[in-house]
Amino acid sequence: MLTRRLFLSSSIFLILFILQESLFNQVRLPLGGFSLFLIFTMCWASLSTPEVGAITGFGAGLLLDLAPSNDGPIGQWTLVLIVIGYGIAFLRYGDDSLRGSPFSLVVLVAVGVVVTLGVYLATGVLLGLDIGTGFQFTKIVIGNGIWTLVVAPFLLPLISYLHRSIFETRETL
């Protein structure tokens, strides 16, 4: 059962990663656009237990570290997404009021994307990467948050369905 869950989840993440890198990175939107892959990762982690959230962050971070568009050191995305994936899953898993409301999930995902990008850019500065000016930094982070608030409600039913079909077991007698 664990192998099936891991294989199906990995396949979905790989397909979304390829779509993000080949299609959505080419579209230029105002305020920097959005990352479908990060939105999916944050939704998936928030629907999971904290342990699965950390594993989700590890897999997604590893894919982002190996992306051709990544110019940071290997492991930076992985570290950031493990911590954020665990944190977002822990917040939602432990709070019943967050678990029952789709609106709170969308807001949590948007905050998760903003915090992820902020932590990634902050660690990039600490590691000596050239990330641009403070205005560009702010525009990218806030723009991604706004676009995530717009896009996430449309993706949430699909992500919830996929997550439920993979992780909920139905036993027959």
Protein backbone atom coordinates (compact mmCIF):
# COMPACT_ATOMS: atom_id res chain seq x y z
CA MET A 1 0.00 0.00 0.00
CA LEU A 2 2.84 2.41 0.83
CA THR A 3 4.54 1.69 -2.49
CA ARG A 4 1.32 2.43 -4.38
CA ARG A 5 0.84 5.75 -2.55
CA LEU A 6 4.45 6.77 -3.13
CA PHE A 7 4.35 5.84 -6.82
CA LEU A 8 1.07 7.63 -7.53
CA SER A 9 2.08 10.75 -5.59
CA SER A 10 5.48 10.87 -7.27
CA SER A 11 3.90 10.49 -10.70
CA ILE A 12 1.50 13.37 -10.06
CA PHE A 13 4.29 15.61 -8.79
CA LEU A 14 6.53 14.75 -11.73
CA ILE A 15 3.78 15.54 -14.25
CA LEU A 16 3.05 18.86 -12.53
CA PHE A 17 6.74 19.71 -12.38
CA ILE A 18 7.13 19.10 -16.12
CA LEU A 19 4.03 21.23 -16.81
CA GLN A 20 5.40 24.01 -14.61
CA GLU A 21 8.83 24.03 -16.21
CA SER A 22 7.70 23.68 -19.80
CA LEU A 23 4.48 25.68 -19.90
CA PHE A 24 3.73 27.89 -16.89
CA ASN A 25 7.25 29.32 -16.56
CA GLN A 26 6.90 30.71 -20.08
CA VAL A 27 3.77 32.75 -19.30
CA ARG A 28 4.48 36.30 -18.13
CA LEU A 29 1.82 37.69 -15.79
CA PRO A 30 1.75 40.98 -13.88
CA LEU A 31 3.45 40.96 -10.46
CA GLY A 32 5.53 37.90 -11.29
CA GLY A 33 2.82 35.32 -11.83
CA PHE A 34 2.39 32.11 -9.84
CA SER A 35 3.93 28.71 -9.40
CA LEU A 36 1.46 25.90 -10.01
CA PHE A 37 3.96 23.45 -8.56
CA LEU A 38 4.32 25.39 -5.28
CA ILE A 39 0.55 25.79 -4.97
CA PHE A 40 0.09 22.05 -5.50
CA THR A 41 2.86 21.23 -3.03
CA MET A 42 1.43 23.47 -0.32
CA CYS A 43 -2.10 22.11 -0.82
CA TRP A 44 -0.87 18.52 -0.78
CA ALA A 45 1.17 19.10 2.37
CA SER A 46 -1.69 20.85 4.14
CA LEU A 47 -4.05 17.97 3.41
CA SER A 48 -1.56 15.46 4.85
CA THR A 49 -0.12 14.55 8.22
CA PRO A 50 3.03 16.42 9.28
CA GLU A 51 5.26 13.49 8.36
CA VAL A 52 3.77 13.23 4.87
CA GLY A 53 4.03 17.02 4.59
CA ALA A 54 7.78 16.82 5.24
CA ILE A 55 8.17 13.97 2.73
CA THR A 56 6.15 15.99 0.21
CA GLY A 57 8.45 18.95 0.80
CA PHE A 58 11.50 16.73 0.31
CA GLY A 59 10.29 15.33 -3.01
CA ALA A 60 9.10 18.68 -4.34
CA GLY A 61 12.27 20.43 -3.18
CA LEU A 62 14.44 17.80 -4.82
CA LEU A 63 12.62 18.33 -8.12
CA LEU A 64 12.97 22.12 -7.85
CA ASP A 65 16.68 21.77 -7.00
CA LEU A 66 17.21 19.74 -10.16
CA ALA A 67 15.22 22.14 -12.36
CA PRO A 68 17.10 23.73 -15.25
CA SER A 69 15.79 27.15 -14.23
CA ASN A 70 17.27 26.86 -10.72
CA ASP A 71 20.40 28.90 -10.21
CA GLY A 72 20.74 28.30 -6.46
CA PRO A 73 22.77 25.64 -4.70
CA ILE A 74 21.52 22.07 -4.65
CA GLY A 75 19.56 21.43 -1.47
CA GLN A 76 18.29 24.95 -0.86
CA TRP A 77 14.78 24.29 -2.17
CA THR A 78 14.74 20.91 -0.44
CA LEU A 79 15.59 22.37 2.94
CA VAL A 80 13.06 25.18 2.63
CA LEU A 81 10.22 22.93 1.45
CA ILE A 82 10.84 20.25 4.10
CA VAL A 83 10.48 22.85 6.85
CA ILE A 84 7.52 24.67 5.27
CA GLY A 85 5.78 21.41 4.25
CA TYR A 86 6.05 20.05 7.78
CA GLY A 87 4.96 23.38 9.27
CA ILE A 88 1.90 23.84 7.07
CA ALA A 89 0.79 20.24 7.63
CA PHE A 90 1.33 20.60 11.38
CA LEU A 91 -0.72 23.82 11.51
CA ARG A 92 -3.65 22.39 9.60
CA TYR A 93 -3.52 18.89 11.10
CA GLY A 94 -3.66 20.15 14.67
CA ASP A 95 -6.39 22.78 14.26
CA ASP A 96 -9.97 21.62 13.70
CA SER A 97 -11.14 25.06 12.59
CA LEU A 98 -8.58 25.05 9.77
CA ARG A 99 -9.51 21.53 8.69
CA GLY A 100 -13.18 22.29 8.16
CA SER A 101 -12.98 25.42 6.02
CA PRO A 102 -11.87 25.53 2.37
CA PHE A 103 -11.35 29.29 2.65
CA SER A 104 -8.85 28.80 5.46
CA LEU A 105 -7.03 26.22 3.33
CA VAL A 106 -6.71 28.70 0.45
CA VAL A 107 -5.39 31.39 2.80
CA LEU A 108 -3.01 28.90 4.45
CA VAL A 109 -1.69 27.84 1.04
CA ALA A 110 -1.20 31.46 -0.05
CA VAL A 111 0.64 32.25 3.18
CA GLY A 112 2.68 29.06 2.72
CA VAL A 113 3.72 30.10 -0.80
CA VAL A 114 4.66 33.60 0.38
CA VAL A 115 6.66 32.26 3.34
CA THR A 116 8.34 29.65 1.12
CA LEU A 117 9.45 32.23 -1.41
CA GLY A 118 10.51 34.64 1.33
CA VAL A 119 12.59 32.02 3.12
CA TYR A 120 14.09 30.82 -0.17
CA LEU A 121 15.09 34.35 -1.17
CA ALA A 122 16.38 35.13 2.33
CA THR A 123 18.54 32.00 2.40
CA GLY A 124 19.70 32.90 -1.11
CA VAL A 125 20.90 36.25 0.18
CA LEU A 126 22.70 34.51 3.04
CA LEU A 127 24.37 32.18 0.56
CA GLY A 128 25.51 35.08 -1.63
CA LEU A 129 23.12 34.67 -4.56
CA ASP A 130 22.17 37.70 -6.63
CA ILE A 131 18.40 38.02 -6.23
CA GLY A 132 17.94 41.57 -7.50
CA THR A 133 16.67 44.66 -5.76
CA GLY A 134 14.40 44.84 -2.75
CA PHE A 135 11.57 46.07 -4.98
CA GLN A 136 11.86 43.02 -7.25
CA PHE A 137 12.03 40.77 -4.19
CA THR A 138 8.86 42.31 -2.74
CA LYS A 139 7.04 42.29 -6.08
CA ILE A 140 7.74 38.59 -6.65
CA VAL A 141 6.72 37.51 -3.16
CA ILE A 142 3.55 39.61 -2.93
CA GLY A 143 2.61 38.89 -6.55
CA ASN A 144 2.87 35.15 -5.99
CA GLY A 145 0.70 35.48 -2.88
CA ILE A 146 -2.00 37.39 -4.76
CA TRP A 147 -1.95 35.02 -7.74
CA THR A 148 -2.07 32.05 -5.36
CA LEU A 149 -5.21 33.48 -3.75
CA VAL A 150 -6.74 33.73 -7.23
CA VAL A 151 -5.66 30.33 -8.60
CA ALA A 152 -5.81 28.06 -5.53
CA PRO A 153 -9.64 27.97 -5.17
CA PHE A 154 -9.88 26.52 -8.67
CA LEU A 155 -7.23 23.87 -8.02
CA LEU A 156 -8.34 22.88 -4.53
CA PRO A 157 -11.16 20.49 -5.56
CA LEU A 158 -8.87 18.60 -7.94
CA ILE A 159 -6.03 18.40 -5.43
CA SER A 160 -8.39 17.28 -2.66
CA TYR A 161 -9.85 14.59 -4.91
CA LEU A 162 -6.40 13.29 -5.90
CA HIS A 163 -5.20 13.33 -2.30
CA ARG A 164 -8.31 11.54 -1.05
CA SER A 165 -8.16 8.89 -3.77
CA ILE A 166 -4.53 8.10 -2.96
CA PHE A 167 -4.41 8.31 0.83
CA GLU A 168 -7.84 7.15 1.97
CA THR A 169 -8.19 3.40 2.01
CA ARG A 170 -11.51 1.69 1.57
CA GLU A 171 -11.69 -1.73 3.06
CA THR A 172 -14.39 -4.13 1.98
CA LEU A 173 -15.56 -7.03 4.07
